[in-house]
Structures are given as structure tokens and as C-alpha cells.
């Protein structure tokens, strides 16, 4: 099993660049941001690099219940 990284703000800028870097290094990814459309585009870029499909979850990290849901989904997906 590959190591897993969770990246917030993964739909653009530093978050997106970080996601692509970890994908190139073979990590499993959990990507989150507020915009599902841009997350899906980043997920496609990750797959185009030959990586497995990442888990994508919309999440407002300022909301504790959304963060709890994010963590629950990530743990279920990669167990």
C-alpha cells in the first residue's frame, strides 16, 4: 500500500502543484477544496500522470463537521 497524503486547497495554486508532485512520487491522494469541478479536473490530471484515481471530497475546512466527514471518507476509502 502506498503512503497517503491529504491536500486541502487542491484545486488550484500551491495545493494543485502539491497534488501533482505527490502523484508523480506514487502517493495515494485525498484532494479537497470547495469547488468540485476544479477538483475533478485535478483528479483527471493526476490520473493522466499514471496515478490511481484520488479520492476527491468538497470540504470547507473551517467547518468541523465537514472536516470530520472528510476524514471518515478518507479512512474508509484507503483501508
C-alpha atoms as a PDB file:
ATOM      1  CA  UNK A   1       0.000   0.000   0.000  1.00  0.00           C
ATOM      2  CA  UNK A   2       1.343   3.429  -0.976  1.00  0.00           C
ATOM      3  CA  UNK A   3       1.589   6.233   1.556  1.00  0.00           C
ATOM      4  CA  UNK A   4      -1.387   8.570   1.517  1.00  0.00           C
ATOM      5  CA  UNK A   5      -1.468  12.358   1.633  1.00  0.00           C
ATOM      6  CA  UNK A   6      -4.454  14.636   2.182  1.00  0.00           C
ATOM      7  CA  UNK A   7      -4.204  18.012   0.452  1.00  0.00           C
ATOM      8  CA  UNK A   8      -6.535  20.909   1.195  1.00  0.00           C
ATOM      9  CA  UNK A   9      -6.975  23.635  -1.393  1.00  0.00           C
ATOM     10  CA  UNK A  10      -6.046  21.069  -4.036  1.00  0.00           C
ATOM     11  CA  UNK A  11      -7.986  22.653  -6.885  1.00  0.00           C
ATOM     12  CA  UNK A  12      -5.509  25.420  -7.688  1.00  0.00           C
ATOM     13  CA  UNK A  13      -2.194  27.072  -6.934  1.00  0.00           C
ATOM     14  CA  UNK A  14       0.133  25.504  -4.391  1.00  0.00           C
ATOM     15  CA  UNK A  15      -2.412  22.826  -3.455  1.00  0.00           C
ATOM     16  CA  UNK A  16      -2.729  21.651  -7.054  1.00  0.00           C
ATOM     17  CA  UNK A  17       1.047  21.714  -7.570  1.00  0.00           C
ATOM     18  CA  UNK A  18       1.493  19.707  -4.373  1.00  0.00           C
ATOM     19  CA  UNK A  19      -1.075  17.151  -5.504  1.00  0.00           C
ATOM     20  CA  UNK A  20       0.685  16.672  -8.840  1.00  0.00           C
ATOM     21  CA  UNK A  21       4.068  16.362  -7.132  1.00  0.00           C
ATOM     22  CA  UNK A  22       2.844  13.671  -4.735  1.00  0.00           C
ATOM     23  CA  UNK A  23       1.098  11.869  -7.613  1.00  0.00           C
ATOM     24  CA  UNK A  24       4.398  11.742  -9.524  1.00  0.00           C
ATOM     25  CA  UNK A  25       6.024  10.256  -6.406  1.00  0.00           C
ATOM     26  CA  UNK A  26       3.419   7.453  -6.244  1.00  0.00           C
ATOM     27  CA  UNK A  27       1.350   8.568  -3.257  1.00  0.00           C
ATOM     28  CA  UNK A  28      -2.355   7.846  -2.854  1.00  0.00           C
ATOM     29  CA  UNK A  29      -4.195  11.154  -2.696  1.00  0.00           C
ATOM     30  CA  UNK A  30      -7.151  12.658  -0.890  1.00  0.00           C
ATOM     31  CA  UNK A  31      -7.912  16.002  -2.512  1.00  0.00           C
ATOM     32  CA  UNK A  32     -10.241  18.599  -1.097  1.00  0.00           C
ATOM     33  CA  UNK A  33     -11.402  22.133  -1.832  1.00  0.00           C
ATOM     34  CA  UNK A  34     -14.677  23.992  -2.104  1.00  0.00           C
ATOM     35  CA  UNK A  35     -15.126  23.518  -5.864  1.00  0.00           C
ATOM     36  CA  UNK A  36     -15.964  20.031  -7.154  1.00  0.00           C
ATOM     37  CA  UNK A  37     -15.462  20.946 -10.827  1.00  0.00           C
ATOM     38  CA  UNK A  38     -11.870  22.069 -10.377  1.00  0.00           C
ATOM     39  CA  UNK A  39     -11.178  19.106  -8.083  1.00  0.00           C
ATOM     40  CA  UNK A  40     -12.381  16.750 -10.799  1.00  0.00           C
ATOM     41  CA  UNK A  41     -10.055  18.440 -13.294  1.00  0.00           C
ATOM     42  CA  UNK A  42      -7.080  17.993 -10.953  1.00  0.00           C
ATOM     43  CA  UNK A  43      -8.084  14.376 -10.359  1.00  0.00           C
ATOM     44  CA  UNK A  44      -8.004  13.822 -14.122  1.00  0.00           C
ATOM     45  CA  UNK A  45      -4.528  15.381 -14.323  1.00  0.00           C
ATOM     46  CA  UNK A  46      -3.394  13.028 -11.553  1.00  0.00           C
ATOM     47  CA  UNK A  47      -4.721  10.037 -13.470  1.00  0.00           C
ATOM     48  CA  UNK A  48      -3.076  11.291 -16.677  1.00  0.00           C
ATOM     49  CA  UNK A  49       0.239  11.005 -14.824  1.00  0.00           C
ATOM     50  CA  UNK A  50      -0.474   7.291 -14.373  1.00  0.00           C
ATOM     51  CA  UNK A  51      -1.557   7.501 -10.750  1.00  0.00           C
ATOM     52  CA  UNK A  52      -4.592   5.856  -9.234  1.00  0.00           C
ATOM     53  CA  UNK A  53      -7.781   7.876  -9.056  1.00  0.00           C
ATOM     54  CA  UNK A  54      -7.624  10.099  -5.996  1.00  0.00           C
ATOM     55  CA  UNK A  55     -10.445  10.471  -3.528  1.00  0.00           C
ATOM     56  CA  UNK A  56     -11.961  13.911  -4.026  1.00  0.00           C
ATOM     57  CA  UNK A  57     -14.191  15.491  -1.402  1.00  0.00           C
ATOM     58  CA  UNK A  58     -15.556  19.003  -1.203  1.00  0.00           C
ATOM     59  CA  UNK A  59     -14.903  20.424   2.225  1.00  0.00           C
ATOM     60  CA  UNK A  60     -14.853  23.763   3.981  1.00  0.00           C
ATOM     61  CA  UNK A  61     -12.033  23.224   6.462  1.00  0.00           C
ATOM     62  CA  UNK A  62     -13.478  25.981   8.663  1.00  0.00           C
ATOM     63  CA  UNK A  63     -16.424  23.678   9.409  1.00  0.00           C
ATOM     64  CA  UNK A  64     -15.539  20.928  11.928  1.00  0.00           C
ATOM     65  CA  UNK A  65     -18.372  18.624  10.853  1.00  0.00           C
ATOM     66  CA  UNK A  66     -17.211  18.781   7.218  1.00  0.00           C
ATOM     67  CA  UNK A  67     -13.646  18.007   8.304  1.00  0.00           C
ATOM     68  CA  UNK A  68     -14.921  15.007  10.300  1.00  0.00           C
ATOM     69  CA  UNK A  69     -16.804  13.774   7.239  1.00  0.00           C
ATOM     70  CA  UNK A  70     -13.692  14.265   5.101  1.00  0.00           C
ATOM     71  CA  UNK A  71     -11.574  12.224   7.487  1.00  0.00           C
ATOM     72  CA  UNK A  72     -14.184   9.461   7.726  1.00  0.00           C
ATOM     73  CA  UNK A  73     -14.377   9.189   3.923  1.00  0.00           C
ATOM     74  CA  UNK A  74     -10.588   9.159   3.590  1.00  0.00           C
ATOM     75  CA  UNK A  75     -10.195   6.396   6.165  1.00  0.00           C
ATOM     76  CA  UNK A  76     -12.919   4.293   4.542  1.00  0.00           C
ATOM     77  CA  UNK A  77     -11.507   4.785   1.038  1.00  0.00           C
ATOM     78  CA  UNK A  78      -7.943   3.780   1.868  1.00  0.00           C
ATOM     79  CA  UNK A  79      -8.487   0.965   4.376  1.00  0.00           C
END
